[in-house]
Amino acid sequence: MESTKLPHLIEEQITLAGQGATSGRSARTLHGGQGHALRQTLVVMLAGHRMDEHVSPGEATVLVLAGALKVHTADKQIELGEGDFLVVPADRHSVDALEDTAFLLTVIKPVGHGYSA
């Protein structure tokens, strides 16, 4: 059994996001990935950067660990801050970092998309 120290990992990812990444973000998968239905990823976005419009590859949630962001769909937008939890909309959406932000993205891929039940 192994634990992850999120505050240390967040600092590390903020540094990586600022080191030449034009996207202004960095991510590290904490659990799951290829061959797993469940994937949990720590995502860091620097203030003023955007994750362009996309659709989630499955059911997804976001838990903001630090900072603030705004999630946009075609007809809605919501601001999230530290401790806020969001079920990610199934429609196309984009994400803006209002300040340096770290969030835990949890995705469950539907059966038949890279894993077997």
N, C-alpha and C. Protein backbone atom coordinates (compact mmCIF):
# COMPACT_ATOMS: atom_id res chain seq x y z
N MET A 1 0.85 -1.17 0.00
CA MET A 1 0.00 0.00 0.00
C MET A 1 0.90 1.23 0.00
N GLU A 2 0.55 2.19 -0.85
CA GLU A 2 1.36 3.39 -0.99
C GLU A 2 0.46 4.61 -1.02
N SER A 3 0.87 5.65 -0.30
CA SER A 3 0.08 6.89 -0.31
C SER A 3 0.82 7.94 -1.13
N THR A 4 0.07 8.95 -1.54
CA THR A 4 0.62 10.05 -2.32
C THR A 4 0.43 11.34 -1.54
N LYS A 5 1.49 12.11 -1.40
CA LYS A 5 1.44 13.40 -0.71
C LYS A 5 1.05 14.46 -1.74
N LEU A 6 -0.24 14.79 -1.79
CA LEU A 6 -0.73 15.69 -2.82
C LEU A 6 -0.12 17.09 -2.76
N PRO A 7 0.06 17.72 -1.58
CA PRO A 7 0.66 19.06 -1.59
C PRO A 7 2.03 19.10 -2.28
N HIS A 8 2.86 18.10 -2.02
CA HIS A 8 4.18 18.03 -2.66
C HIS A 8 4.03 17.82 -4.17
N LEU A 9 3.13 16.94 -4.56
CA LEU A 9 2.91 16.65 -5.97
C LEU A 9 2.35 17.86 -6.71
N ILE A 10 1.47 18.61 -6.06
CA ILE A 10 0.92 19.82 -6.67
C ILE A 10 2.04 20.82 -6.95
N GLU A 11 2.92 21.04 -5.97
CA GLU A 11 4.06 21.95 -6.16
C GLU A 11 4.91 21.51 -7.35
N GLU A 12 5.19 20.22 -7.42
CA GLU A 12 5.99 19.66 -8.51
C GLU A 12 5.33 19.91 -9.85
N GLN A 13 4.02 19.69 -9.94
CA GLN A 13 3.30 19.86 -11.19
C GLN A 13 3.19 21.33 -11.59
N ILE A 14 3.08 22.24 -10.61
CA ILE A 14 3.07 23.67 -10.91
C ILE A 14 4.40 24.06 -11.55
N THR A 15 5.49 23.56 -11.00
CA THR A 15 6.82 23.83 -11.56
C THR A 15 6.90 23.31 -12.99
N LEU A 16 6.45 22.10 -13.22
CA LEU A 16 6.48 21.51 -14.57
C LEU A 16 5.61 22.30 -15.54
N ALA A 17 4.45 22.75 -15.09
CA ALA A 17 3.55 23.51 -15.95
C ALA A 17 4.18 24.82 -16.40
N GLY A 18 5.03 25.38 -15.56
CA GLY A 18 5.68 26.65 -15.88
C GLY A 18 6.97 26.51 -16.65
N GLN A 19 7.46 25.30 -16.82
CA GLN A 19 8.74 25.08 -17.50
C GLN A 19 8.55 24.80 -18.98
N GLY A 20 8.21 25.83 -19.72
CA GLY A 20 8.16 25.71 -21.17
C GLY A 20 6.91 25.06 -21.73
N ALA A 21 5.98 24.65 -20.89
CA ALA A 21 4.74 24.06 -21.42
C ALA A 21 3.85 25.21 -21.89
N THR A 22 3.68 25.34 -23.20
CA THR A 22 2.87 26.45 -23.72
C THR A 22 1.41 26.31 -23.31
N SER A 23 1.00 25.10 -22.96
CA SER A 23 -0.38 24.89 -22.52
C SER A 23 -0.61 25.44 -21.13
N GLY A 24 0.48 25.66 -20.36
CA GLY A 24 0.34 26.16 -19.00
C GLY A 24 -0.27 25.14 -18.06
N ARG A 25 -0.13 23.87 -18.41
CA ARG A 25 -0.66 22.84 -17.53
C ARG A 25 0.25 21.62 -17.50
N SER A 26 0.03 20.83 -16.48
CA SER A 26 0.76 19.59 -16.30
C SER A 26 -0.17 18.60 -15.62
N ALA A 27 0.02 17.33 -15.88
CA ALA A 27 -0.86 16.32 -15.29
C ALA A 27 -0.06 15.07 -14.95
N ARG A 28 -0.54 14.39 -13.94
CA ARG A 28 0.07 13.11 -13.54
C ARG A 28 -1.04 12.15 -13.14
N THR A 29 -1.06 11.00 -13.78
CA THR A 29 -2.04 9.98 -13.43
C THR A 29 -1.65 9.37 -12.09
N LEU A 30 -2.58 9.39 -11.15
CA LEU A 30 -2.33 8.84 -9.82
C LEU A 30 -2.78 7.39 -9.72
N HIS A 31 -3.82 7.06 -10.49
CA HIS A 31 -4.36 5.70 -10.44
C HIS A 31 -5.00 5.39 -11.79
N GLY A 32 -4.83 4.15 -12.23
CA GLY A 32 -5.50 3.70 -13.44
C GLY A 32 -4.69 4.02 -14.68
N GLY A 33 -5.39 4.27 -15.74
CA GLY A 33 -4.75 4.51 -17.02
C GLY A 33 -5.07 3.39 -17.98
N GLN A 34 -4.14 3.10 -18.86
CA GLN A 34 -4.34 2.07 -19.89
C GLN A 34 -4.80 0.75 -19.27
N GLY A 35 -5.90 0.22 -19.79
CA GLY A 35 -6.39 -1.07 -19.32
C GLY A 35 -7.26 -1.00 -18.08
N HIS A 36 -7.49 0.18 -17.54
CA HIS A 36 -8.32 0.35 -16.35
C HIS A 36 -9.58 1.15 -16.69
N ALA A 37 -10.67 0.82 -16.06
CA ALA A 37 -11.90 1.58 -16.24
C ALA A 37 -11.83 2.92 -15.52
N LEU A 38 -11.19 2.94 -14.35
CA LEU A 38 -11.11 4.13 -13.52
C LEU A 38 -9.74 4.78 -13.69
N ARG A 39 -9.74 6.10 -13.93
CA ARG A 39 -8.48 6.84 -14.00
C ARG A 39 -8.62 8.10 -13.16
N GLN A 40 -7.63 8.34 -12.30
CA GLN A 40 -7.61 9.55 -11.48
C GLN A 40 -6.32 10.29 -11.79
N THR A 41 -6.47 11.54 -12.17
CA THR A 41 -5.34 12.34 -12.62
C THR A 41 -5.30 13.66 -11.89
N LEU A 42 -4.13 14.02 -11.39
CA LEU A 42 -3.92 15.34 -10.82
C LEU A 42 -3.58 16.26 -11.98
N VAL A 43 -4.37 17.31 -12.16
CA VAL A 43 -4.15 18.28 -13.23
C VAL A 43 -3.86 19.63 -12.60
N VAL A 44 -2.81 20.29 -13.10
CA VAL A 44 -2.47 21.64 -12.66
C VAL A 44 -2.54 22.55 -13.87
N MET A 45 -3.24 23.67 -13.72
CA MET A 45 -3.31 24.69 -14.77
C MET A 45 -2.87 26.02 -14.16
N LEU A 46 -2.01 26.73 -14.88
CA LEU A 46 -1.57 28.03 -14.42
C LEU A 46 -2.60 29.09 -14.77
N ALA A 47 -2.66 30.13 -13.96
CA ALA A 47 -3.62 31.21 -14.15
C ALA A 47 -3.59 31.73 -15.58
N GLY A 48 -4.79 31.95 -16.14
CA GLY A 48 -4.90 32.52 -17.47
C GLY A 48 -4.84 31.52 -18.61
N HIS A 49 -4.63 30.24 -18.31
CA HIS A 49 -4.56 29.24 -19.36
C HIS A 49 -5.90 28.53 -19.52
N ARG A 50 -6.08 27.94 -20.69
CA ARG A 50 -7.35 27.30 -21.04
C ARG A 50 -7.12 25.89 -21.53
N MET A 51 -8.05 25.02 -21.15
CA MET A 51 -8.13 23.68 -21.73
C MET A 51 -9.23 23.80 -22.78
N ASP A 52 -8.86 23.67 -24.06
CA ASP A 52 -9.82 23.90 -25.14
C ASP A 52 -11.01 22.95 -25.06
N GLU A 53 -12.02 23.31 -25.80
CA GLU A 53 -13.27 22.55 -25.82
C GLU A 53 -13.01 21.08 -26.16
N HIS A 54 -13.64 20.19 -25.39
CA HIS A 54 -13.47 18.76 -25.57
C HIS A 54 -14.67 18.04 -24.96
N VAL A 55 -14.73 16.75 -25.18
CA VAL A 55 -15.75 15.89 -24.59
C VAL A 55 -15.03 14.86 -23.74
N SER A 56 -15.55 14.56 -22.56
CA SER A 56 -14.94 13.56 -21.69
C SER A 56 -15.06 12.17 -22.30
N PRO A 57 -14.04 11.33 -22.10
CA PRO A 57 -14.08 9.98 -22.64
C PRO A 57 -14.97 9.02 -21.85
N GLY A 58 -15.63 9.52 -20.84
CA GLY A 58 -16.52 8.72 -20.00
C GLY A 58 -17.09 9.61 -18.91
N GLU A 59 -17.76 9.00 -17.94
CA GLU A 59 -18.25 9.79 -16.81
C GLU A 59 -17.06 10.38 -16.09
N ALA A 60 -17.20 11.64 -15.66
CA ALA A 60 -16.05 12.31 -15.03
C ALA A 60 -16.50 13.25 -13.93
N THR A 61 -15.60 13.44 -12.97
CA THR A 61 -15.81 14.43 -11.91
C THR A 61 -14.53 15.23 -11.73
N VAL A 62 -14.69 16.43 -11.18
CA VAL A 62 -13.56 17.29 -10.85
C VAL A 62 -13.69 17.69 -9.38
N LEU A 63 -12.60 17.58 -8.64
CA LEU A 63 -12.51 18.06 -7.27
C LEU A 63 -11.37 19.07 -7.23
N VAL A 64 -11.70 20.34 -6.97
CA VAL A 64 -10.68 21.39 -6.94
C VAL A 64 -9.94 21.30 -5.61
N LEU A 65 -8.62 21.11 -5.72
CA LEU A 65 -7.77 20.98 -4.53
C LEU A 65 -7.18 22.32 -4.11
N ALA A 66 -6.94 23.20 -5.07
CA ALA A 66 -6.39 24.53 -4.80
C ALA A 66 -6.69 25.42 -6.00
N GLY A 67 -6.89 26.70 -5.74
CA GLY A 67 -7.11 27.64 -6.83
C GLY A 67 -8.57 27.76 -7.23
N ALA A 68 -8.77 28.22 -8.47
CA ALA A 68 -10.13 28.45 -8.98
C ALA A 68 -10.13 28.29 -10.50
N LEU A 69 -11.24 27.78 -11.01
CA LEU A 69 -11.38 27.61 -12.46
C LEU A 69 -12.82 27.86 -12.87
N LYS A 70 -13.00 27.98 -14.17
CA LYS A 70 -14.34 28.17 -14.72
C LYS A 70 -14.53 27.13 -15.82
N VAL A 71 -15.66 26.42 -15.76
CA VAL A 71 -16.01 25.42 -16.76
C VAL A 71 -17.12 26.00 -17.62
N HIS A 72 -16.94 25.93 -18.96
CA HIS A 72 -17.90 26.49 -19.91
C HIS A 72 -18.50 25.37 -20.77
N THR A 73 -19.81 25.42 -20.97
CA THR A 73 -20.46 24.62 -22.00
C THR A 73 -21.10 25.62 -22.95
N ALA A 74 -21.81 25.14 -23.96
CA ALA A 74 -22.43 26.05 -24.93
C ALA A 74 -23.41 27.01 -24.27
N ASP A 75 -24.09 26.56 -23.22
CA ASP A 75 -25.12 27.41 -22.63
C ASP A 75 -24.96 27.69 -21.13
N LYS A 76 -23.89 27.22 -20.53
CA LYS A 76 -23.69 27.43 -19.09
C LYS A 76 -22.22 27.67 -18.78
N GLN A 77 -21.99 28.28 -17.63
CA GLN A 77 -20.64 28.36 -17.08
C GLN A 77 -20.74 28.33 -15.57
N ILE A 78 -19.72 27.74 -14.96
CA ILE A 78 -19.72 27.64 -13.51
C ILE A 78 -18.29 27.87 -13.01
N GLU A 79 -18.18 28.65 -11.94
CA GLU A 79 -16.90 28.88 -11.30
C GLU A 79 -16.77 27.92 -10.13
N LEU A 80 -15.58 27.35 -10.00
CA LEU A 80 -15.28 26.42 -8.92
C LEU A 80 -14.05 26.90 -8.17
N GLY A 81 -14.07 26.72 -6.85
CA GLY A 81 -12.93 27.06 -6.02
C GLY A 81 -12.51 25.87 -5.18
N GLU A 82 -11.51 26.09 -4.34
CA GLU A 82 -10.97 25.03 -3.51
C GLU A 82 -12.09 24.30 -2.76
N GLY A 83 -12.09 22.97 -2.86
CA GLY A 83 -13.07 22.14 -2.18
C GLY A 83 -14.34 21.90 -2.98
N ASP A 84 -14.52 22.59 -4.11
CA ASP A 84 -15.72 22.39 -4.92
C ASP A 84 -15.59 21.11 -5.76
N PHE A 85 -16.73 20.46 -5.94
CA PHE A 85 -16.83 19.19 -6.66
C PHE A 85 -17.83 19.37 -7.79
N LEU A 86 -17.50 18.87 -8.97
CA LEU A 86 -18.38 19.00 -10.13
C LEU A 86 -18.46 17.69 -10.87
N VAL A 87 -19.67 17.29 -11.22
CA VAL A 87 -19.86 16.20 -12.17
C VAL A 87 -19.70 16.86 -13.54
N VAL A 88 -18.71 16.43 -14.29
CA VAL A 88 -18.38 17.06 -15.57
C VAL A 88 -19.53 16.84 -16.55
N PRO A 89 -19.94 17.91 -17.23
CA PRO A 89 -21.04 17.77 -18.18
C PRO A 89 -20.67 16.84 -19.33
N ALA A 90 -21.66 16.12 -19.83
CA ALA A 90 -21.44 15.18 -20.93
C ALA A 90 -21.22 15.93 -22.25
N ASP A 91 -21.70 17.20 -22.35
CA ASP A 91 -21.53 17.95 -23.58
C ASP A 91 -20.12 18.54 -23.68
N ARG A 92 -19.83 19.09 -24.84
CA ARG A 92 -18.52 19.73 -25.05
C ARG A 92 -18.34 20.83 -24.03
N HIS A 93 -17.13 20.95 -23.53
CA HIS A 93 -16.84 21.97 -22.52
C HIS A 93 -15.38 22.39 -22.60
N SER A 94 -15.10 23.56 -22.04
CA SER A 94 -13.73 24.05 -21.93
C SER A 94 -13.52 24.47 -20.48
N VAL A 95 -12.24 24.65 -20.11
CA VAL A 95 -11.91 24.99 -18.73
C VAL A 95 -10.88 26.12 -18.74
N ASP A 96 -11.14 27.17 -17.95
CA ASP A 96 -10.21 28.27 -17.78
C ASP A 96 -9.72 28.31 -16.34
N ALA A 97 -8.40 28.48 -16.18
CA ALA A 97 -7.83 28.63 -14.84
C ALA A 97 -7.88 30.11 -14.46
N LEU A 98 -8.62 30.43 -13.41
CA LEU A 98 -8.74 31.80 -12.94
C LEU A 98 -7.54 32.21 -12.10
N GLU A 99 -6.88 31.22 -11.53
CA GLU A 99 -5.62 31.38 -10.81
C GLU A 99 -4.89 30.05 -10.92
N ASP A 100 -3.67 29.96 -10.42
CA ASP A 100 -2.98 28.67 -10.45
C ASP A 100 -3.88 27.66 -9.73
N THR A 101 -4.20 26.58 -10.41
CA THR A 101 -5.22 25.66 -9.92
C THR A 101 -4.77 24.22 -10.03
N ALA A 102 -5.11 23.43 -9.02
CA ALA A 102 -4.88 21.99 -9.03
C ALA A 102 -6.22 21.30 -8.80
N PHE A 103 -6.50 20.28 -9.62
CA PHE A 103 -7.74 19.53 -9.41
C PHE A 103 -7.53 18.06 -9.69
N LEU A 104 -8.35 17.26 -9.05
CA LEU A 104 -8.34 15.82 -9.25
C LEU A 104 -9.44 15.50 -10.25
N LEU A 105 -9.05 14.97 -11.40
CA LEU A 105 -9.98 14.56 -12.44
C LEU A 105 -10.15 13.05 -12.35
N THR A 106 -11.38 12.61 -12.15
CA THR A 106 -11.69 11.18 -12.08
C THR A 106 -12.56 10.84 -13.28
N VAL A 107 -12.15 9.83 -14.05
CA VAL A 107 -12.88 9.41 -15.24
C VAL A 107 -13.13 7.91 -15.16
N ILE A 108 -14.36 7.53 -15.47
CA ILE A 108 -14.70 6.11 -15.61
C ILE A 108 -15.09 5.91 -17.07
N LYS A 109 -14.30 5.10 -17.77
CA LYS A 109 -14.55 4.85 -19.17
C LYS A 109 -15.65 3.81 -19.32
N PRO A 110 -16.51 3.99 -20.32
CA PRO A 110 -17.55 2.99 -20.55
C PRO A 110 -16.95 1.66 -21.02
N VAL A 111 -17.65 0.57 -20.78
CA VAL A 111 -17.22 -0.77 -21.19
C VAL A 111 -16.94 -0.75 -22.70
N GLY A 112 -15.83 -1.40 -23.08
CA GLY A 112 -15.48 -1.48 -24.49
C GLY A 112 -14.54 -0.40 -24.93
N HIS A 113 -14.06 0.46 -24.01
CA HIS A 113 -13.15 1.54 -24.37
C HIS A 113 -11.80 1.35 -23.68
N GLY A 114 -11.12 0.27 -24.00
CA GLY A 114 -9.76 0.08 -23.51
C GLY A 114 -9.64 -0.77 -22.26
N TYR A 115 -10.71 -1.40 -21.84
CA TYR A 115 -10.59 -2.31 -20.71
C TYR A 115 -11.68 -3.36 -20.82
N SER A 116 -11.51 -4.42 -20.09
CA SER A 116 -12.57 -5.44 -20.06
C SER A 116 -13.07 -5.58 -18.65
N ALA A 117 -14.37 -5.69 -18.52
CA ALA A 117 -15.01 -5.77 -17.21
C ALA A 117 -14.89 -7.14 -16.62
